Amino acid sequence: MTFSEAAAFKMPWGQHRGLALDKIAEKDEGLKYLGWLHNEGIKDPRVRPAVAAYLSDPTIARELERVRIKRWRSDHA
């Protein structure tokens, strides 16, 4: 799956049902959610490859790391 396909992939269930991954990731909380899905090893064969392809983009990966560091700092302030 290409990054463009992954970015346009619409979540088939849950709180973000019907939203494209790119739209979910616009907010820090949404990007953290996608990272959580990836780390939890989501088993849905529709979602897993889309989330993996989306998060493997270097720009998205850097943004997710920024969000995680921001969260860690706020938790340890």
PDB file of N, CA and C in Angstrom:
ATOM      1  N   MET A   1       0.850  -1.178   0.000  1.00  0.00           N
ATOM      2  CA  MET A   1       0.000   0.000   0.000  1.00  0.00           C
ATOM      3  C   MET A   1       0.892   1.236   0.000  1.00  0.00           C
ATOM      4  N   THR A   2       0.556   2.199  -0.840  1.00  0.00           N
ATOM      5  CA  THR A   2       1.331   3.435  -0.898  1.00  0.00           C
ATOM      6  C   THR A   2       0.920   4.365   0.245  1.00  0.00           C
ATOM      7  N   PHE A   3       1.752   5.375   0.482  1.00  0.00           N
ATOM      8  CA  PHE A   3       1.421   6.350   1.514  1.00  0.00           C
ATOM      9  C   PHE A   3       0.110   7.068   1.168  1.00  0.00           C
ATOM     10  N   SER A   4      -0.062   7.429  -0.083  1.00  0.00           N
ATOM     11  CA  SER A   4      -1.288   8.134  -0.495  1.00  0.00           C
ATOM     12  C   SER A   4      -2.525   7.277  -0.256  1.00  0.00           C
ATOM     13  N   GLU A   5      -2.436   6.004  -0.567  1.00  0.00           N
ATOM     14  CA  GLU A   5      -3.552   5.100  -0.317  1.00  0.00           C
ATOM     15  C   GLU A   5      -3.827   4.982   1.179  1.00  0.00           C
ATOM     16  N   ALA A   6      -2.760   4.876   1.961  1.00  0.00           N
ATOM     17  CA  ALA A   6      -2.911   4.769   3.413  1.00  0.00           C
ATOM     18  C   ALA A   6      -3.509   6.048   3.998  1.00  0.00           C
ATOM     19  N   ALA A   7      -3.055   7.197   3.534  1.00  0.00           N
ATOM     20  CA  ALA A   7      -3.558   8.476   4.038  1.00  0.00           C
ATOM     21  C   ALA A   7      -5.053   8.624   3.763  1.00  0.00           C
ATOM     22  N   ALA A   8      -5.514   8.083   2.639  1.00  0.00           N
ATOM     23  CA  ALA A   8      -6.925   8.187   2.259  1.00  0.00           C
ATOM     24  C   ALA A   8      -7.786   7.058   2.836  1.00  0.00           C
ATOM     25  N   PHE A   9      -7.148   6.048   3.433  1.00  0.00           N
ATOM     26  CA  PHE A   9      -7.886   4.909   3.977  1.00  0.00           C
ATOM     27  C   PHE A   9      -8.827   5.382   5.074  1.00  0.00           C
ATOM     28  N   LYS A  10     -10.083   4.950   5.009  1.00  0.00           N
ATOM     29  CA  LYS A  10     -11.082   5.356   6.009  1.00  0.00           C
ATOM     30  C   LYS A  10     -11.241   4.264   7.064  1.00  0.00           C
ATOM     31  N   MET A  11     -11.136   4.689   8.301  1.00  0.00           N
ATOM     32  CA  MET A  11     -11.266   3.769   9.422  1.00  0.00           C
ATOM     33  C   MET A  11     -12.653   3.117   9.384  1.00  0.00           C
ATOM     34  N   PRO A  12     -12.701   1.779   9.396  1.00  0.00           N
ATOM     35  CA  PRO A  12     -13.988   1.102   9.251  1.00  0.00           C
ATOM     36  C   PRO A  12     -14.785   0.940  10.545  1.00  0.00           C
ATOM     37  N   TRP A  13     -14.219   1.292  11.689  1.00  0.00           N
ATOM     38  CA  TRP A  13     -14.904   1.087  12.961  1.00  0.00           C
ATOM     39  C   TRP A  13     -14.375   2.053  14.013  1.00  0.00           C
ATOM     40  N   GLY A  14     -15.037   2.054  15.145  1.00  0.00           N
ATOM     41  CA  GLY A  14     -14.581   2.844  16.297  1.00  0.00           C
ATOM     42  C   GLY A  14     -14.965   4.313  16.239  1.00  0.00           C
ATOM     43  N   GLN A  15     -14.382   5.045  17.144  1.00  0.00           N
ATOM     44  CA  GLN A  15     -14.656   6.471  17.298  1.00  0.00           C
ATOM     45  C   GLN A  15     -14.360   7.260  16.022  1.00  0.00           C
ATOM     46  N   HIS A  16     -13.387   6.803  15.251  1.00  0.00           N
ATOM     47  CA  HIS A  16     -12.975   7.516  14.033  1.00  0.00           C
ATOM     48  C   HIS A  16     -13.566   6.898  12.761  1.00  0.00           C
ATOM     49  N   ARG A  17     -14.584   6.112  12.916  1.00  0.00           N
ATOM     50  CA  ARG A  17     -15.208   5.434  11.778  1.00  0.00           C
ATOM     51  C   ARG A  17     -15.538   6.434  10.663  1.00  0.00           C
ATOM     52  N   GLY A  18     -15.113   6.095   9.452  1.00  0.00           N
ATOM     53  CA  GLY A  18     -15.396   6.927   8.288  1.00  0.00           C
ATOM     54  C   GLY A  18     -14.392   8.025   8.026  1.00  0.00           C
ATOM     55  N   LEU A  19     -13.458   8.242   8.954  1.00  0.00           N
ATOM     56  CA  LEU A  19     -12.438   9.279   8.765  1.00  0.00           C
ATOM     57  C   LEU A  19     -11.188   8.687   8.133  1.00  0.00           C
ATOM     58  N   ALA A  20     -10.585   9.440   7.229  1.00  0.00           N
ATOM     59  CA  ALA A  20      -9.319   9.027   6.621  1.00  0.00           C
ATOM     60  C   ALA A  20      -8.203   9.134   7.664  1.00  0.00           C
ATOM     61  N   LEU A  21      -7.201   8.277   7.529  1.00  0.00           N
ATOM     62  CA  LEU A  21      -6.077   8.310   8.480  1.00  0.00           C
ATOM     63  C   LEU A  21      -5.450   9.698   8.539  1.00  0.00           C
ATOM     64  N   ASP A  22      -5.326  10.347   7.383  1.00  0.00           N
ATOM     65  CA  ASP A  22      -4.751  11.692   7.347  1.00  0.00           C
ATOM     66  C   ASP A  22      -5.575  12.667   8.189  1.00  0.00           C
ATOM     67  N   LYS A  23      -6.873  12.514   8.178  1.00  0.00           N
ATOM     68  CA  LYS A  23      -7.757  13.392   8.965  1.00  0.00           C
ATOM     69  C   LYS A  23      -7.623  13.074  10.457  1.00  0.00           C
ATOM     70  N   ILE A  24      -7.558  11.791  10.796  1.00  0.00           N
ATOM     71  CA  ILE A  24      -7.390  11.385  12.195  1.00  0.00           C
ATOM     72  C   ILE A  24      -6.098  11.966  12.756  1.00  0.00           C
ATOM     73  N   ALA A  25      -5.038  11.927  11.954  1.00  0.00           N
ATOM     74  CA  ALA A  25      -3.713  12.349  12.413  1.00  0.00           C
ATOM     75  C   ALA A  25      -3.529  13.863  12.465  1.00  0.00           C
ATOM     76  N   GLU A  26      -4.524  14.625  12.059  1.00  0.00           N
ATOM     77  CA  GLU A  26      -4.393  16.084  12.114  1.00  0.00           C
ATOM     78  C   GLU A  26      -4.221  16.588  13.539  1.00  0.00           C
ATOM     79  N   LYS A  27      -4.794  15.866  14.495  1.00  0.00           N
ATOM     80  CA  LYS A  27      -4.675  16.248  15.909  1.00  0.00           C
ATOM     81  C   LYS A  27      -3.703  15.303  16.600  1.00  0.00           C
ATOM     82  N   ASP A  28      -2.990  15.817  17.582  1.00  0.00           N
ATOM     83  CA  ASP A  28      -2.022  14.995  18.317  1.00  0.00           C
ATOM     84  C   ASP A  28      -2.660  13.729  18.876  1.00  0.00           C
ATOM     85  N   GLU A  29      -3.870  13.860  19.424  1.00  0.00           N
ATOM     86  CA  GLU A  29      -4.546  12.704  20.009  1.00  0.00           C
ATOM     87  C   GLU A  29      -4.816  11.636  18.959  1.00  0.00           C
ATOM     88  N   GLY A  30      -5.196  12.056  17.775  1.00  0.00           N
ATOM     89  CA  GLY A  30      -5.447  11.108  16.692  1.00  0.00           C
ATOM     90  C   GLY A  30      -4.185  10.404  16.238  1.00  0.00           C
ATOM     91  N   LEU A  31      -3.099  11.162  16.142  1.00  0.00           N
ATOM     92  CA  LEU A  31      -1.824  10.568  15.755  1.00  0.00           C
ATOM     93  C   LEU A  31      -1.358   9.578  16.820  1.00  0.00           C
ATOM     94  N   LYS A  32      -1.538   9.935  18.101  1.00  0.00           N
ATOM     95  CA  LYS A  32      -1.195   8.997  19.181  1.00  0.00           C
ATOM     96  C   LYS A  32      -2.045   7.742  19.089  1.00  0.00           C
ATOM     97  N   TYR A  33      -3.305   7.885  18.725  1.00  0.00           N
ATOM     98  CA  TYR A  33      -4.197   6.738  18.568  1.00  0.00           C
ATOM     99  C   TYR A  33      -3.685   5.809  17.467  1.00  0.00           C
ATOM    100  N   LEU A  34      -3.259   6.371  16.349  1.00  0.00           N
ATOM    101  CA  LEU A  34      -2.722   5.539  15.267  1.00  0.00           C
ATOM    102  C   LEU A  34      -1.449   4.833  15.723  1.00  0.00           C
ATOM    103  N   GLY A  35      -0.598   5.527  16.469  1.00  0.00           N
ATOM    104  CA  GLY A  35       0.589   4.894  17.023  1.00  0.00           C
ATOM    105  C   GLY A  35       0.236   3.773  17.974  1.00  0.00           C
ATOM    106  N   TRP A  36      -0.791   3.982  18.786  1.00  0.00           N
ATOM    107  CA  TRP A  36      -1.237   2.948  19.715  1.00  0.00           C
ATOM    108  C   TRP A  36      -1.744   1.733  18.952  1.00  0.00           C
ATOM    109  N   LEU A  37      -2.556   1.955  17.920  1.00  0.00           N
ATOM    110  CA  LEU A  37      -3.046   0.836  17.108  1.00  0.00           C
ATOM    111  C   LEU A  37      -1.878   0.021  16.551  1.00  0.00           C
ATOM    112  N   HIS A  38      -0.902   0.729  16.046  1.00  0.00           N
ATOM    113  CA  HIS A  38       0.260   0.056  15.451  1.00  0.00           C
ATOM    114  C   HIS A  38       1.035  -0.727  16.506  1.00  0.00           C
ATOM    115  N   ASN A  39       1.254  -0.133  17.653  1.00  0.00           N
ATOM    116  CA  ASN A  39       2.018  -0.792  18.725  1.00  0.00           C
ATOM    117  C   ASN A  39       1.276  -1.975  19.327  1.00  0.00           C
ATOM    118  N   GLU A  40      -0.048  -1.902  19.336  1.00  0.00           N
ATOM    119  CA  GLU A  40      -0.845  -2.997  19.897  1.00  0.00           C
ATOM    120  C   GLU A  40      -0.970  -4.169  18.926  1.00  0.00           C
ATOM    121  N   GLY A  41      -0.442  -3.998  17.728  1.00  0.00           N
ATOM    122  CA  GLY A  41      -0.495  -5.075  16.750  1.00  0.00           C
ATOM    123  C   GLY A  41      -1.913  -5.362  16.287  1.00  0.00           C
ATOM    124  N   ILE A  42      -2.630  -4.308  15.910  1.00  0.00           N
ATOM    125  CA  ILE A  42      -4.016  -4.452  15.478  1.00  0.00           C
ATOM    126  C   ILE A  42      -4.128  -5.583  14.460  1.00  0.00           C
ATOM    127  N   LYS A  43      -5.089  -6.438  14.645  1.00  0.00           N
ATOM    128  CA  LYS A  43      -5.196  -7.636  13.829  1.00  0.00           C
ATOM    129  C   LYS A  43      -6.124  -7.499  12.631  1.00  0.00           C
ATOM    130  N   ASP A  44      -6.912  -6.448  12.575  1.00  0.00           N
ATOM    131  CA  ASP A  44      -7.838  -6.262  11.462  1.00  0.00           C
ATOM    132  C   ASP A  44      -7.036  -6.162  10.160  1.00  0.00           C
ATOM    133  N   PRO A  45      -7.237  -7.099   9.241  1.00  0.00           N
ATOM    134  CA  PRO A  45      -6.431  -7.116   8.014  1.00  0.00           C
ATOM    135  C   PRO A  45      -6.709  -5.943   7.081  1.00  0.00           C
ATOM    136  N   ARG A  46      -7.771  -5.198   7.319  1.00  0.00           N
ATOM    137  CA  ARG A  46      -8.030  -4.001   6.520  1.00  0.00           C
ATOM    138  C   ARG A  46      -7.236  -2.824   7.073  1.00  0.00           C
ATOM    139  N   VAL A  47      -7.122  -2.764   8.392  1.00  0.00           N
ATOM    140  CA  VAL A  47      -6.548  -1.599   9.057  1.00  0.00           C
ATOM    141  C   VAL A  47      -5.031  -1.708   9.214  1.00  0.00           C
ATOM    142  N   ARG A  48      -4.545  -2.878   9.573  1.00  0.00           N
ATOM    143  CA  ARG A  48      -3.123  -3.072   9.876  1.00  0.00           C
ATOM    144  C   ARG A  48      -2.199  -2.546   8.777  1.00  0.00           C
ATOM    145  N   PRO A  49      -2.370  -2.949   7.502  1.00  0.00           N
ATOM    146  CA  PRO A  49      -1.436  -2.462   6.481  1.00  0.00           C
ATOM    147  C   PRO A  49      -1.553  -0.958   6.223  1.00  0.00           C
ATOM    148  N   ALA A  50      -2.747  -0.416   6.373  1.00  0.00           N
ATOM    149  CA  ALA A  50      -2.928   1.021   6.150  1.00  0.00           C
ATOM    150  C   ALA A  50      -2.214   1.832   7.229  1.00  0.00           C
ATOM    151  N   VAL A  51      -2.394   1.439   8.484  1.00  0.00           N
ATOM    152  CA  VAL A  51      -1.738   2.160   9.587  1.00  0.00           C
ATOM    153  C   VAL A  51      -0.220   2.017   9.482  1.00  0.00           C
ATOM    154  N   ALA A  52       0.249   0.820   9.179  1.00  0.00           N
ATOM    155  CA  ALA A  52       1.700   0.598   9.053  1.00  0.00           C
ATOM    156  C   ALA A  52       2.287   1.454   7.929  1.00  0.00           C
ATOM    157  N   ALA A  53       1.620   1.493   6.791  1.00  0.00           N
ATOM    158  CA  ALA A  53       2.119   2.292   5.663  1.00  0.00           C
ATOM    159  C   ALA A  53       2.097   3.777   5.998  1.00  0.00           C
ATOM    160  N   TYR A  54       1.056   4.218   6.664  1.00  0.00           N
ATOM    161  CA  TYR A  54       0.941   5.636   7.018  1.00  0.00           C
ATOM    162  C   TYR A  54       2.046   6.043   7.982  1.00  0.00           C
ATOM    163  N   LEU A  55       2.238   5.247   9.022  1.00  0.00           N
ATOM    164  CA  LEU A  55       3.233   5.599  10.044  1.00  0.00           C
ATOM    165  C   LEU A  55       4.664   5.381   9.582  1.00  0.00           C
ATOM    166  N   SER A  56       4.864   4.652   8.490  1.00  0.00           N
ATOM    167  CA  SER A  56       6.223   4.425   8.005  1.00  0.00           C
ATOM    168  C   SER A  56       6.762   5.613   7.204  1.00  0.00           C
ATOM    169  N   ASP A  57       5.890   6.547   6.863  1.00  0.00           N
ATOM    170  CA  ASP A  57       6.350   7.755   6.181  1.00  0.00           C
ATOM    171  C   ASP A  57       7.257   8.542   7.132  1.00  0.00           C
ATOM    172  N   PRO A  58       8.448   8.939   6.682  1.00  0.00           N
ATOM    173  CA  PRO A  58       9.388   9.625   7.588  1.00  0.00           C
ATOM    174  C   PRO A  58       8.824  10.880   8.249  1.00  0.00           C
ATOM    175  N   THR A  59       8.054  11.656   7.526  1.00  0.00           N
ATOM    176  CA  THR A  59       7.490  12.878   8.109  1.00  0.00           C
ATOM    177  C   THR A  59       6.483  12.540   9.197  1.00  0.00           C
ATOM    178  N   ILE A  60       5.640  11.565   8.954  1.00  0.00           N
ATOM    179  CA  ILE A  60       4.645  11.153   9.948  1.00  0.00           C
ATOM    180  C   ILE A  60       5.338  10.540  11.157  1.00  0.00           C
ATOM    181  N   ALA A  61       6.355   9.720  10.915  1.00  0.00           N
ATOM    182  CA  ALA A  61       7.098   9.089  12.013  1.00  0.00           C
ATOM    183  C   ALA A  61       7.742  10.148  12.910  1.00  0.00           C
ATOM    184  N   ARG A  62       8.306  11.189  12.313  1.00  0.00           N
ATOM    185  CA  ARG A  62       8.910  12.278  13.110  1.00  0.00           C
ATOM    186  C   ARG A  62       7.844  13.012  13.922  1.00  0.00           C
ATOM    187  N   GLU A  63       6.700  13.240  13.311  1.00  0.00           N
ATOM    188  CA  GLU A  63       5.619  13.935  14.007  1.00  0.00           C
ATOM    189  C   GLU A  63       5.114  13.094  15.182  1.00  0.00           C
ATOM    190  N   LEU A  64       4.976  11.798  14.985  1.00  0.00           N
ATOM    191  CA  LEU A  64       4.547  10.919  16.068  1.00  0.00           C
ATOM    192  C   LEU A  64       5.574  10.943  17.200  1.00  0.00           C
ATOM    193  N   GLU A  65       6.835  10.926  16.873  1.00  0.00           N
ATOM    194  CA  GLU A  65       7.881  10.991  17.907  1.00  0.00           C
ATOM    195  C   GLU A  65       7.799  12.316  18.666  1.00  0.00           C
ATOM    196  N   ARG A  66       7.535  13.412  17.948  1.00  0.00           N
ATOM    197  CA  ARG A  66       7.388  14.718  18.596  1.00  0.00           C
ATOM    198  C   ARG A  66       6.226  14.681  19.588  1.00  0.00           C
ATOM    199  N   VAL A  67       5.122  14.093  19.189  1.00  0.00           N
ATOM    200  CA  VAL A  67       3.945  13.999  20.049  1.00  0.00           C
ATOM    201  C   VAL A  67       4.257  13.142  21.283  1.00  0.00           C
ATOM    202  N   ARG A  68       4.954  12.042  21.085  1.00  0.00           N
ATOM    203  CA  ARG A  68       5.306  11.174  22.217  1.00  0.00           C
ATOM    204  C   ARG A  68       6.234  11.880  23.199  1.00  0.00           C
ATOM    205  N   ILE A  69       7.199  12.631  22.693  1.00  0.00           N
ATOM    206  CA  ILE A  69       8.117  13.377  23.568  1.00  0.00           C
ATOM    207  C   ILE A  69       7.353  14.448  24.331  1.00  0.00           C
ATOM    208  N   LYS A  70       6.474  15.140  23.638  1.00  0.00           N
ATOM    209  CA  LYS A  70       5.648  16.175  24.285  1.00  0.00           C
ATOM    210  C   LYS A  70       4.833  15.558  25.417  1.00  0.00           C
ATOM    211  N   ARG A  71       4.251  14.417  25.169  1.00  0.00           N
ATOM    212  CA  ARG A  71       3.454  13.727  26.195  1.00  0.00           C
ATOM    213  C   ARG A  71       4.330  13.306  27.370  1.00  0.00           C
ATOM    214  N   TRP A  72       5.497  12.737  27.077  1.00  0.00           N
ATOM    215  CA  TRP A  72       6.402  12.290  28.128  1.00  0.00           C
ATOM    216  C   TRP A  72       6.813  13.474  29.005  1.00  0.00           C
ATOM    217  N   ARG A  73       7.132  14.588  28.366  1.00  0.00           N
ATOM    218  CA  ARG A  73       7.539  15.773  29.135  1.00  0.00           C
ATOM    219  C   ARG A  73       6.408  16.270  30.034  1.00  0.00           C
ATOM    220  N   SER A  74       5.189  16.257  29.518  1.00  0.00           N
ATOM    221  CA  SER A  74       4.078  16.728  30.355  1.00  0.00           C
ATOM    222  C   SER A  74       3.805  15.760  31.506  1.00  0.00           C
ATOM    223  N   ASP A  75       4.038  14.481  31.279  1.00  0.00           N
ATOM    224  CA  ASP A  75       3.844  13.482  32.351  1.00  0.00           C
ATOM    225  C   ASP A  75       4.928  13.547  33.415  1.00  0.00           C
ATOM    226  N   HIS A  76       6.107  14.085  33.052  1.00  0.00           N
ATOM    227  CA  HIS A  76       7.245  14.089  33.985  1.00  0.00           C
ATOM    228  C   HIS A  76       7.648  15.505  34.407  1.00  0.00           C
ATOM    229  N   ALA A  77       6.743  16.446  34.233  1.00  0.00           N
ATOM    230  CA  ALA A  77       7.063  17.839  34.607  1.00  0.00           C
ATOM    231  C   ALA A  77       6.856  18.056  36.084  1.00  0.00           C
TER     232      ALA A  77
END
